[in-house]
Amino acid sequence: MSLETDLLIDRRRLKRRLFFWRVVAILAVVACAAIAIRPAVPRSHVARLKVDGEISDTTRMVRALDAMAKDDSAKALVLDISSPGGGVYAAEALHNAIARVAEKKPVVAVMGALAASGGFMIAMPAKRIYASTGTITGSIGVLLQTQEISGLLDRVGVTAETLTSGPLKDQPSLTHKLSDDGRAVLHGLVIDMYEQFVAIVADGRHMAPERVRELADGRVYTGRQALKLGLIDAIGDEHDARQWLQSNSGISADLPIRDLRTKGRLQSVLADAVAPFLSDTLKSVVYQGVALDGAKALWQPSSPE
């Protein structure tokens, strides 16, 4: 057999081997793709919603909660709250979504270092609320803030003119003081939202509204104080909450816990990196006065003079 014939045979063998491994590689890629796109088999678990920082846009949280309420593999919901509160509308929307879950599945709340005002409101649908002895909670109430710089404008010789269709259309305003009528109207809004807050607490904690009003003068309480007042159920953490679910709802403490996804990946990165630095600055630059939906159920500790 000539050398040329040997080379031809070797080349054919090599081609057959290459063809074989190419087919294997293609089949492997197809198999991996099939596994990747195959719907995951639902696995029983306990869902957890983390509420950190000021409560503002809760749209994604509400959607995630509504989806979780329909998910048979999610057996219960644990609320992990570390929040001073936030916008009245946002907190109420989140409260209502949690209440919808509570109609179908057990809900327990675990308060972190701070769960005040709107952060306290969203815990109300829970069957059981836990806090540590040092948790800051309570602050049941509503505030509406505005800024007014007419004195500064007078100093620099600037005059602002505003044409309105009615005497209350520009209340409040950045460029002039509140009128008596404007102050009365806005205070009425605050009191109405406050009464709604009182009703939510009275319903969630099974208290008479009169008793809630006694506690709802805006002050905060420690977890130990809140326990004595009936604003929470027990001192404990997530471990205690899982044990309670097991004892009272038959939901094993060994079930895996999954965080509800409430942000896109890019949004999560940007929010964690940028939001703490820009939030207050943007509010100061963008907003003049206060919109009617700008009322907040937010704990704001007074700064020392």
C-alpha atoms as a PDB file:
ATOM      1  CA  MET A   1       0.000   0.000   0.000  1.00  0.00           C
ATOM      2  CA  SER A   2       1.424   3.336  -1.047  1.00  0.00           C
ATOM      3  CA  LEU A   3       2.014   6.279   1.280  1.00  0.00           C
ATOM      4  CA  GLU A   4      -0.613   8.317  -0.589  1.00  0.00           C
ATOM      5  CA  THR A   5      -3.237   5.616  -0.001  1.00  0.00           C
ATOM      6  CA  ASP A   6      -2.412   5.538   3.738  1.00  0.00           C
ATOM      7  CA  LEU A   7      -2.823   9.305   3.981  1.00  0.00           C
ATOM      8  CA  LEU A   8      -6.196   9.113   2.223  1.00  0.00           C
ATOM      9  CA  ILE A   9      -7.440   6.409   4.616  1.00  0.00           C
ATOM     10  CA  ASP A  10      -6.259   8.385   7.662  1.00  0.00           C
ATOM     11  CA  ARG A  11      -7.997  11.483   6.377  1.00  0.00           C
ATOM     12  CA  ARG A  12     -11.266   9.616   5.942  1.00  0.00           C
ATOM     13  CA  ARG A  13     -10.994   8.207   9.471  1.00  0.00           C
ATOM     14  CA  LEU A  14     -10.359  11.710  10.825  1.00  0.00           C
ATOM     15  CA  LYS A  15     -13.396  13.075   8.986  1.00  0.00           C
ATOM     16  CA  ARG A  16     -15.594  10.307  10.410  1.00  0.00           C
ATOM     17  CA  ARG A  17     -14.359  11.102  13.932  1.00  0.00           C
ATOM     18  CA  LEU A  18     -14.942  14.835  13.438  1.00  0.00           C
ATOM     19  CA  PHE A  19     -18.437  14.152  12.115  1.00  0.00           C
ATOM     20  CA  PHE A  20     -19.187  11.950  15.142  1.00  0.00           C
ATOM     21  CA  TRP A  21     -18.076  14.564  17.670  1.00  0.00           C
ATOM     22  CA  ARG A  22     -19.886  17.331  15.813  1.00  0.00           C
ATOM     23  CA  VAL A  23     -23.113  15.345  16.049  1.00  0.00           C
ATOM     24  CA  VAL A  24     -22.464  14.732  19.749  1.00  0.00           C
ATOM     25  CA  ALA A  25     -21.847  18.455  20.309  1.00  0.00           C
ATOM     26  CA  ILE A  26     -25.051  19.440  18.479  1.00  0.00           C
ATOM     27  CA  LEU A  27     -27.099  16.922  20.455  1.00  0.00           C
ATOM     28  CA  ALA A  28     -25.586  18.215  23.702  1.00  0.00           C
ATOM     29  CA  VAL A  29     -26.517  21.805  22.796  1.00  0.00           C
ATOM     30  CA  VAL A  30     -30.069  20.762  21.902  1.00  0.00           C
ATOM     31  CA  ALA A  31     -30.413  18.840  25.177  1.00  0.00           C
ATOM     32  CA  CYS A  32     -29.165  21.800  27.223  1.00  0.00           C
ATOM     33  CA  ALA A  33     -31.560  24.141  25.414  1.00  0.00           C
ATOM     34  CA  ALA A  34     -34.463  21.780  26.054  1.00  0.00           C
ATOM     35  CA  ILE A  35     -33.609  21.648  29.741  1.00  0.00           C
ATOM     36  CA  ALA A  36     -33.255  25.425  29.918  1.00  0.00           C
ATOM     37  CA  ILE A  37     -36.640  26.189  28.313  1.00  0.00           C
ATOM     38  CA  ARG A  38     -38.545  23.397  30.008  1.00  0.00           C
ATOM     39  CA  PRO A  39     -40.960  24.837  32.546  1.00  0.00           C
ATOM     40  CA  ALA A  40     -39.690  24.317  36.069  1.00  0.00           C
ATOM     41  CA  VAL A  41     -41.722  21.928  38.138  1.00  0.00           C
ATOM     42  CA  PRO A  42     -43.366  23.995  40.899  1.00  0.00           C
ATOM     43  CA  ARG A  43     -41.840  23.186  44.252  1.00  0.00           C
ATOM     44  CA  SER A  44     -43.503  23.907  47.554  1.00  0.00           C
ATOM     45  CA  HIS A  45     -41.919  26.860  49.327  1.00  0.00           C
ATOM     46  CA  VAL A  46     -42.535  29.848  51.563  1.00  0.00           C
ATOM     47  CA  ALA A  47     -42.425  33.222  49.827  1.00  0.00           C
ATOM     48  CA  ARG A  48     -40.699  36.217  51.392  1.00  0.00           C
ATOM     49  CA  LEU A  49     -41.240  39.871  50.566  1.00  0.00           C
ATOM     50  CA  LYS A  50     -38.499  42.245  51.669  1.00  0.00           C
ATOM     51  CA  VAL A  51     -39.579  45.845  52.150  1.00  0.00           C
ATOM     52  CA  ASP A  52     -36.461  47.967  52.676  1.00  0.00           C
ATOM     53  CA  GLY A  53     -36.269  51.738  52.883  1.00  0.00           C
ATOM     54  CA  GLU A  54     -38.905  54.297  52.036  1.00  0.00           C
ATOM     55  CA  ILE A  55     -42.061  52.920  50.423  1.00  0.00           C
ATOM     56  CA  SER A  56     -42.625  54.693  47.119  1.00  0.00           C
ATOM     57  CA  ASP A  57     -43.450  52.900  43.860  1.00  0.00           C
ATOM     58  CA  THR A  58     -44.958  49.563  44.875  1.00  0.00           C
ATOM     59  CA  THR A  59     -46.239  48.507  41.431  1.00  0.00           C
ATOM     60  CA  ARG A  60     -43.823  45.597  41.040  1.00  0.00           C
ATOM     61  CA  MET A  61     -44.403  44.438  44.612  1.00  0.00           C
ATOM     62  CA  VAL A  62     -48.161  44.447  44.103  1.00  0.00           C
ATOM     63  CA  ARG A  63     -47.836  42.427  40.888  1.00  0.00           C
ATOM     64  CA  ALA A  64     -45.503  39.936  42.560  1.00  0.00           C
ATOM     65  CA  LEU A  65     -47.893  39.523  45.490  1.00  0.00           C
ATOM     66  CA  ASP A  66     -50.928  39.032  43.258  1.00  0.00           C
ATOM     67  CA  ALA A  67     -49.034  36.378  41.279  1.00  0.00           C
ATOM     68  CA  MET A  68     -47.886  34.710  44.497  1.00  0.00           C
ATOM     69  CA  ALA A  69     -51.485  34.553  45.748  1.00  0.00           C
ATOM     70  CA  LYS A  70     -52.355  32.398  42.708  1.00  0.00           C
ATOM     71  CA  ASP A  71     -49.251  30.207  42.987  1.00  0.00           C
ATOM     72  CA  ASP A  72     -50.200  26.918  44.644  1.00  0.00           C
ATOM     73  CA  SER A  73     -46.553  26.098  45.324  1.00  0.00           C
ATOM     74  CA  ALA A  74     -46.221  29.164  47.590  1.00  0.00           C
ATOM     75  CA  LYS A  75     -47.674  28.004  50.897  1.00  0.00           C
ATOM     76  CA  ALA A  76     -47.245  31.170  52.990  1.00  0.00           C
ATOM     77  CA  LEU A  77     -45.808  34.675  52.961  1.00  0.00           C
ATOM     78  CA  VAL A  78     -43.198  36.120  55.303  1.00  0.00           C
ATOM     79  CA  LEU A  79     -42.941  39.920  55.338  1.00  0.00           C
ATOM     80  CA  ASP A  80     -39.448  41.195  56.138  1.00  0.00           C
ATOM     81  CA  ILE A  81     -39.945  44.876  56.968  1.00  0.00           C
ATOM     82  CA  SER A  82     -37.200  47.471  57.481  1.00  0.00           C
ATOM     83  CA  SER A  83     -38.886  50.724  56.559  1.00  0.00           C
ATOM     84  CA  PRO A  84     -39.709  54.152  58.021  1.00  0.00           C
ATOM     85  CA  GLY A  85     -42.856  54.244  55.862  1.00  0.00           C
ATOM     86  CA  GLY A  86     -43.474  56.312  52.765  1.00  0.00           C
ATOM     87  CA  GLY A  87     -46.222  57.626  50.514  1.00  0.00           C
ATOM     88  CA  VAL A  88     -49.751  57.079  51.790  1.00  0.00           C
ATOM     89  CA  TYR A  89     -50.960  55.797  48.431  1.00  0.00           C
ATOM     90  CA  ALA A  90     -47.982  53.461  47.966  1.00  0.00           C
ATOM     91  CA  ALA A  91     -48.213  52.039  51.486  1.00  0.00           C
ATOM     92  CA  GLU A  92     -51.960  51.528  51.202  1.00  0.00           C
ATOM     93  CA  ALA A  93     -51.615  49.807  47.813  1.00  0.00           C
ATOM     94  CA  LEU A  94     -49.004  47.451  49.273  1.00  0.00           C
ATOM     95  CA  HIS A  95     -51.168  46.835  52.354  1.00  0.00           C
ATOM     96  CA  ASN A  96     -54.139  45.923  50.149  1.00  0.00           C
ATOM     97  CA  ALA A  97     -52.061  43.503  48.051  1.00  0.00           C
ATOM     98  CA  ILE A  98     -50.787  41.785  51.207  1.00  0.00           C
ATOM     99  CA  ALA A  99     -54.378  41.598  52.475  1.00  0.00           C
ATOM    100  CA  ARG A 100     -55.385  39.809  49.259  1.00  0.00           C
ATOM    101  CA  VAL A 101     -52.663  37.231  49.890  1.00  0.00           C
ATOM    102  CA  ALA A 102     -53.813  36.875  53.518  1.00  0.00           C
ATOM    103  CA  GLU A 103     -57.294  35.920  52.303  1.00  0.00           C
ATOM    104  CA  LYS A 104     -55.809  32.792  50.716  1.00  0.00           C
ATOM    105  CA  LYS A 105     -52.606  31.974  52.615  1.00  0.00           C
ATOM    106  CA  PRO A 106     -51.006  32.552  56.026  1.00  0.00           C
ATOM    107  CA  VAL A 107     -49.024  35.773  56.310  1.00  0.00           C
ATOM    108  CA  VAL A 108     -46.536  36.572  59.073  1.00  0.00           C
ATOM    109  CA  ALA A 109     -44.559  39.787  59.484  1.00  0.00           C
ATOM    110  CA  VAL A 110     -41.066  40.176  60.890  1.00  0.00           C
ATOM    111  CA  MET A 111     -39.974  43.710  61.739  1.00  0.00           C
ATOM    112  CA  GLY A 112     -36.331  44.688  61.530  1.00  0.00           C
ATOM    113  CA  ALA A 113     -34.670  47.662  63.195  1.00  0.00           C
ATOM    114  CA  LEU A 114     -37.364  50.019  61.903  1.00  0.00           C
ATOM    115  CA  ALA A 115     -40.967  49.387  60.856  1.00  0.00           C
ATOM    116  CA  ALA A 116     -42.770  52.657  61.458  1.00  0.00           C
ATOM    117  CA  SER A 117     -45.712  54.562  60.011  1.00  0.00           C
ATOM    118  CA  GLY A 118     -46.366  53.096  56.532  1.00  0.00           C
ATOM    119  CA  GLY A 119     -43.924  50.316  57.425  1.00  0.00           C
ATOM    120  CA  PHE A 120     -46.211  49.487  60.339  1.00  0.00           C
ATOM    121  CA  MET A 121     -49.340  49.796  58.182  1.00  0.00           C
ATOM    122  CA  ILE A 122     -48.262  47.089  55.718  1.00  0.00           C
ATOM    123  CA  ALA A 123     -47.851  44.572  58.565  1.00  0.00           C
ATOM    124  CA  MET A 124     -51.524  44.831  59.548  1.00  0.00           C
ATOM    125  CA  PRO A 125     -52.880  41.985  57.360  1.00  0.00           C
ATOM    126  CA  ALA A 126     -50.433  39.511  58.949  1.00  0.00           C
ATOM    127  CA  LYS A 127     -51.836  36.828  61.237  1.00  0.00           C
ATOM    128  CA  ARG A 128     -48.851  37.291  63.501  1.00  0.00           C
ATOM    129  CA  ILE A 129     -46.338  40.126  63.837  1.00  0.00           C
ATOM    130  CA  TYR A 130     -42.845  39.698  65.288  1.00  0.00           C
ATOM    131  CA  ALA A 131     -40.337  42.363  66.293  1.00  0.00           C
ATOM    132  CA  SER A 132     -37.190  42.560  68.354  1.00  0.00           C
ATOM    133  CA  THR A 133     -37.220  44.357  71.696  1.00  0.00           C
ATOM    134  CA  GLY A 134     -35.327  47.244  70.132  1.00  0.00           C
ATOM    135  CA  THR A 135     -37.371  47.559  66.946  1.00  0.00           C
ATOM    136  CA  ILE A 136     -38.687  51.085  66.342  1.00  0.00           C
ATOM    137  CA  THR A 137     -42.317  50.848  65.275  1.00  0.00           C
ATOM    138  CA  GLY A 138     -45.628  52.676  65.587  1.00  0.00           C
ATOM    139  CA  SER A 139     -45.651  56.310  64.390  1.00  0.00           C
ATOM    140  CA  ILE A 140     -49.265  55.921  63.329  1.00  0.00           C
ATOM    141  CA  GLY A 141     -50.105  59.101  61.468  1.00  0.00           C
ATOM    142  CA  VAL A 142     -49.833  61.167  58.295  1.00  0.00           C
ATOM    143  CA  LEU A 143     -47.827  64.256  57.375  1.00  0.00           C
ATOM    144  CA  LEU A 144     -47.962  66.686  54.482  1.00  0.00           C
ATOM    145  CA  GLN A 145     -44.970  68.950  53.933  1.00  0.00           C
ATOM    146  CA  THR A 146     -44.321  71.926  51.699  1.00  0.00           C
ATOM    147  CA  GLN A 147     -41.696  74.623  51.333  1.00  0.00           C
ATOM    148  CA  GLU A 148     -42.244  78.362  50.950  1.00  0.00           C
ATOM    149  CA  ILE A 149     -39.559  80.898  49.945  1.00  0.00           C
ATOM    150  CA  SER A 150     -41.448  84.192  49.683  1.00  0.00           C
ATOM    151  CA  GLY A 151     -39.116  85.795  52.259  1.00  0.00           C
ATOM    152  CA  LEU A 152     -36.070  84.918  50.179  1.00  0.00           C
ATOM    153  CA  LEU A 153     -37.720  86.223  47.005  1.00  0.00           C
ATOM    154  CA  ASP A 154     -38.450  89.543  48.742  1.00  0.00           C
ATOM    155  CA  ARG A 155     -34.798  89.862  49.748  1.00  0.00           C
ATOM    156  CA  VAL A 156     -33.530  89.409  46.197  1.00  0.00           C
ATOM    157  CA  GLY A 157     -36.280  91.521  44.653  1.00  0.00           C
ATOM    158  CA  VAL A 158     -38.108  88.793  42.786  1.00  0.00           C
ATOM    159  CA  THR A 159     -41.876  88.884  42.450  1.00  0.00           C
ATOM    160  CA  ALA A 160     -43.920  85.807  41.536  1.00  0.00           C
ATOM    161  CA  GLU A 161     -47.314  86.173  39.857  1.00  0.00           C
ATOM    162  CA  THR A 162     -49.821  83.304  39.763  1.00  0.00           C
ATOM    163  CA  LEU A 163     -53.176  83.288  37.956  1.00  0.00           C
ATOM    164  CA  THR A 164     -55.628  80.680  39.244  1.00  0.00           C
ATOM    165  CA  SER A 165     -59.185  79.610  38.546  1.00  0.00           C
ATOM    166  CA  GLY A 166     -59.972  79.582  42.266  1.00  0.00           C
ATOM    167  CA  PRO A 167     -58.500  80.668  45.602  1.00  0.00           C
ATOM    168  CA  LEU A 168     -57.382  77.144  46.536  1.00  0.00           C
ATOM    169  CA  LYS A 169     -55.898  76.107  43.199  1.00  0.00           C
ATOM    170  CA  ASP A 170     -52.372  77.189  44.179  1.00  0.00           C
ATOM    171  CA  GLN A 171     -52.461  75.906  47.761  1.00  0.00           C
ATOM    172  CA  PRO A 172     -49.785  75.126  48.776  1.00  0.00           C
ATOM    173  CA  SER A 173     -47.320  77.202  46.796  1.00  0.00           C
ATOM    174  CA  LEU A 174     -43.570  77.652  46.822  1.00  0.00           C
ATOM    175  CA  THR A 175     -43.852  81.405  46.354  1.00  0.00           C
ATOM    176  CA  HIS A 176     -46.376  82.510  48.970  1.00  0.00           C
ATOM    177  CA  LYS A 177     -47.663  81.488  52.364  1.00  0.00           C
ATOM    178  CA  LEU A 178     -50.644  79.223  52.899  1.00  0.00           C
ATOM    179  CA  SER A 179     -53.930  81.033  53.297  1.00  0.00           C
ATOM    180  CA  ASP A 180     -56.145  80.169  56.252  1.00  0.00           C
ATOM    181  CA  ASP A 181     -58.590  78.423  53.935  1.00  0.00           C
ATOM    182  CA  GLY A 182     -55.789  76.539  52.211  1.00  0.00           C
ATOM    183  CA  ARG A 183     -54.372  75.394  55.525  1.00  0.00           C
ATOM    184  CA  ALA A 184     -57.800  74.201  56.659  1.00  0.00           C
ATOM    185  CA  VAL A 185     -58.427  72.249  53.451  1.00  0.00           C
ATOM    186  CA  LEU A 186     -55.030  70.534  53.509  1.00  0.00           C
ATOM    187  CA  HIS A 187     -55.382  69.734  57.196  1.00  0.00           C
ATOM    188  CA  GLY A 188     -58.731  68.143  56.390  1.00  0.00           C
ATOM    189  CA  LEU A 189     -57.007  65.901  53.838  1.00  0.00           C
ATOM    190  CA  VAL A 190     -54.414  64.860  56.402  1.00  0.00           C
ATOM    191  CA  ILE A 191     -57.071  64.063  59.017  1.00  0.00           C
ATOM    192  CA  ASP A 192     -59.087  61.990  56.527  1.00  0.00           C
ATOM    193  CA  MET A 193     -56.019  59.931  55.600  1.00  0.00           C
ATOM    194  CA  TYR A 194     -55.184  59.616  59.290  1.00  0.00           C
ATOM    195  CA  GLU A 195     -58.641  58.182  59.990  1.00  0.00           C
ATOM    196  CA  GLN A 196     -58.108  55.655  57.193  1.00  0.00           C
ATOM    197  CA  PHE A 197     -54.819  54.659  58.830  1.00  0.00           C
ATOM    198  CA  VAL A 198     -56.559  54.290  62.207  1.00  0.00           C
ATOM    199  CA  ALA A 199     -59.222  52.072  60.609  1.00  0.00           C
ATOM    200  CA  ILE A 200     -56.536  49.833  59.056  1.00  0.00           C
ATOM    201  CA  VAL A 201     -54.797  49.402  62.410  1.00  0.00           C
ATOM    202  CA  ALA A 202     -58.082  48.836  64.252  1.00  0.00           C
ATOM    203  CA  ASP A 203     -59.052  46.105  61.777  1.00  0.00           C
ATOM    204  CA  GLY A 204     -55.625  44.468  61.672  1.00  0.00           C
ATOM    205  CA  ARG A 205     -55.024  44.482  65.432  1.00  0.00           C
ATOM    206  CA  HIS A 206     -58.665  43.852  66.411  1.00  0.00           C
ATOM    207  CA  MET A 207     -58.831  47.037  68.454  1.00  0.00           C
ATOM    208  CA  ALA A 208     -61.497  49.657  68.921  1.00  0.00           C
ATOM    209  CA  PRO A 209     -60.766  52.779  66.841  1.00  0.00           C
ATOM    210  CA  GLU A 210     -60.877  54.847  70.030  1.00  0.00           C
ATOM    211  CA  ARG A 211     -58.062  52.769  71.504  1.00  0.00           C
ATOM    212  CA  VAL A 212     -56.001  53.100  68.334  1.00  0.00           C
ATOM    213  CA  ARG A 213     -56.401  56.889  68.400  1.00  0.00           C
ATOM    214  CA  GLU A 214     -55.006  56.922  71.931  1.00  0.00           C
ATOM    215  CA  LEU A 215     -51.845  55.278  70.573  1.00  0.00           C
ATOM    216  CA  ALA A 216     -51.797  57.108  67.242  1.00  0.00           C
ATOM    217  CA  ASP A 217     -50.419  60.518  68.119  1.00  0.00           C
ATOM    218  CA  GLY A 218     -47.406  59.968  65.863  1.00  0.00           C
ATOM    219  CA  ARG A 219     -45.053  58.655  68.531  1.00  0.00           C
ATOM    220  CA  VAL A 220     -42.865  55.606  68.008  1.00  0.00           C
ATOM    221  CA  TYR A 221     -42.583  52.602  70.296  1.00  0.00           C
ATOM    222  CA  THR A 222     -39.928  49.992  70.933  1.00  0.00           C
ATOM    223  CA  GLY A 223     -40.804  46.409  70.155  1.00  0.00           C
ATOM    224  CA  ARG A 224     -41.202  45.690  73.854  1.00  0.00           C
ATOM    225  CA  GLN A 225     -43.567  48.645  74.296  1.00  0.00           C
ATOM    226  CA  ALA A 226     -45.529  47.671  71.181  1.00  0.00           C
ATOM    227  CA  LEU A 227     -45.996  44.159  72.557  1.00  0.00           C
ATOM    228  CA  LYS A 228     -47.483  45.471  75.804  1.00  0.00           C
ATOM    229  CA  LEU A 229     -49.813  47.761  73.842  1.00  0.00           C
ATOM    230  CA  GLY A 230     -51.011  44.998  71.529  1.00  0.00           C
ATOM    231  CA  LEU A 231     -49.471  46.510  68.402  1.00  0.00           C
ATOM    232  CA  ILE A 232     -47.431  43.360  67.746  1.00  0.00           C
ATOM    233  CA  ASP A 233     -47.879  39.731  68.797  1.00  0.00           C
ATOM    234  CA  ALA A 234     -44.488  38.524  69.939  1.00  0.00           C
ATOM    235  CA  ILE A 235     -40.783  39.201  70.262  1.00  0.00           C
ATOM    236  CA  GLY A 236     -38.953  37.101  67.711  1.00  0.00           C
ATOM    237  CA  ASP A 237     -37.396  36.793  64.268  1.00  0.00           C
ATOM    238  CA  GLU A 238     -37.885  34.859  61.034  1.00  0.00           C
ATOM    239  CA  HIS A 239     -37.021  31.575  62.726  1.00  0.00           C
ATOM    240  CA  ASP A 240     -39.822  32.122  65.216  1.00  0.00           C
ATOM    241  CA  ALA A 241     -42.176  33.067  62.387  1.00  0.00           C
ATOM    242  CA  ARG A 242     -41.395  29.814  60.542  1.00  0.00           C
ATOM    243  CA  GLN A 243     -41.932  27.802  63.712  1.00  0.00           C
ATOM    244  CA  TRP A 244     -45.289  29.511  64.230  1.00  0.00           C
ATOM    245  CA  LEU A 245     -46.341  28.695  60.667  1.00  0.00           C
ATOM    246  CA  GLN A 246     -45.464  25.080  61.281  1.00  0.00           C
ATOM    247  CA  SER A 247     -47.340  24.891  64.580  1.00  0.00           C
ATOM    248  CA  ASN A 248     -50.444  26.809  63.523  1.00  0.00           C
ATOM    249  CA  SER A 249     -50.762  26.237  59.774  1.00  0.00           C
ATOM    250  CA  GLY A 250     -48.956  22.945  59.254  1.00  0.00           C
ATOM    251  CA  ILE A 251     -46.375  24.548  56.955  1.00  0.00           C
ATOM    252  CA  SER A 252     -43.067  22.811  57.530  1.00  0.00           C
ATOM    253  CA  ALA A 253     -40.213  24.977  58.756  1.00  0.00           C
ATOM    254  CA  ASP A 254     -37.971  22.941  56.430  1.00  0.00           C
ATOM    255  CA  LEU A 255     -39.627  24.252  53.267  1.00  0.00           C
ATOM    256  CA  PRO A 256     -37.258  26.462  51.248  1.00  0.00           C
ATOM    257  CA  ILE A 257     -37.908  30.204  51.377  1.00  0.00           C
ATOM    258  CA  ARG A 258     -37.867  32.233  48.168  1.00  0.00           C
ATOM    259  CA  ASP A 259     -37.701  36.001  47.854  1.00  0.00           C
ATOM    260  CA  LEU A 260     -40.328  37.512  45.607  1.00  0.00           C
ATOM    261  CA  ARG A 261     -38.666  39.188  42.651  1.00  0.00           C
ATOM    262  CA  THR A 262     -39.815  42.786  42.646  1.00  0.00           C
ATOM    263  CA  LYS A 263     -37.087  44.428  40.538  1.00  0.00           C
ATOM    264  CA  GLY A 264     -35.368  43.778  37.250  1.00  0.00           C
ATOM    265  CA  ARG A 265     -31.664  42.995  37.530  1.00  0.00           C
ATOM    266  CA  LEU A 266     -30.517  46.324  36.085  1.00  0.00           C
ATOM    267  CA  GLN A 267     -33.012  48.219  38.220  1.00  0.00           C
ATOM    268  CA  SER A 268     -31.765  46.452  41.326  1.00  0.00           C
ATOM    269  CA  VAL A 269     -28.157  47.411  40.624  1.00  0.00           C
ATOM    270  CA  LEU A 270     -28.995  51.033  39.859  1.00  0.00           C
ATOM    271  CA  ALA A 271     -31.345  51.343  42.833  1.00  0.00           C
ATOM    272  CA  ASP A 272     -28.787  49.980  45.276  1.00  0.00           C
ATOM    273  CA  ALA A 273     -25.956  52.103  43.918  1.00  0.00           C
ATOM    274  CA  VAL A 274     -27.604  55.408  43.038  1.00  0.00           C
ATOM    275  CA  ALA A 275     -30.929  55.839  44.841  1.00  0.00           C
ATOM    276  CA  PRO A 276     -29.542  56.566  48.330  1.00  0.00           C
ATOM    277  CA  PHE A 277     -27.525  59.492  46.930  1.00  0.00           C
ATOM    278  CA  LEU A 278     -30.069  60.984  44.531  1.00  0.00           C
ATOM    279  CA  SER A 279     -33.424  60.516  46.261  1.00  0.00           C
ATOM    280  CA  ASP A 280     -33.439  63.597  48.485  1.00  0.00           C
ATOM    281  CA  THR A 281     -31.670  65.752  45.883  1.00  0.00           C
ATOM    282  CA  LEU A 282     -34.167  64.937  43.145  1.00  0.00           C
ATOM    283  CA  LYS A 283     -37.100  65.621  45.440  1.00  0.00           C
ATOM    284  CA  SER A 284     -35.677  69.019  46.330  1.00  0.00           C
ATOM    285  CA  VAL A 285     -34.972  69.989  42.720  1.00  0.00           C
ATOM    286  CA  VAL A 286     -38.019  68.560  40.962  1.00  0.00           C
ATOM    287  CA  TYR A 287     -40.890  69.227  43.377  1.00  0.00           C
ATOM    288  CA  GLN A 288     -42.196  72.661  44.179  1.00  0.00           C
ATOM    289  CA  GLY A 289     -44.791  72.725  46.913  1.00  0.00           C
ATOM    290  CA  VAL A 290     -46.545  69.417  47.384  1.00  0.00           C
ATOM    291  CA  ALA A 291     -48.949  67.442  45.244  1.00  0.00           C
ATOM    292  CA  LEU A 292     -52.196  66.160  46.672  1.00  0.00           C
ATOM    293  CA  ASP A 293     -50.801  62.615  46.504  1.00  0.00           C
ATOM    294  CA  GLY A 294     -47.664  63.732  48.345  1.00  0.00           C
ATOM    295  CA  ALA A 295     -48.941  62.963  51.839  1.00  0.00           C
ATOM    296  CA  LYS A 296     -46.759  60.492  53.671  1.00  0.00           C
ATOM    297  CA  ALA A 297     -47.131  57.909  56.373  1.00  0.00           C
ATOM    298  CA  LEU A 298     -43.478  58.342  57.207  1.00  0.00           C
ATOM    299  CA  TRP A 299     -41.564  58.559  60.468  1.00  0.00           C
ATOM    300  CA  GLN A 300     -39.303  61.599  60.456  1.00  0.00           C
ATOM    301  CA  PRO A 301     -37.421  61.987  63.724  1.00  0.00           C
ATOM    302  CA  SER A 302     -36.854  65.597  64.684  1.00  0.00           C
ATOM    303  CA  SER A 303     -33.298  66.865  64.204  1.00  0.00           C
ATOM    304  CA  PRO A 304     -31.594  68.198  67.361  1.00  0.00           C
ATOM    305  CA  GLU A 305     -31.452  71.979  67.392  1.00  0.00           C
END
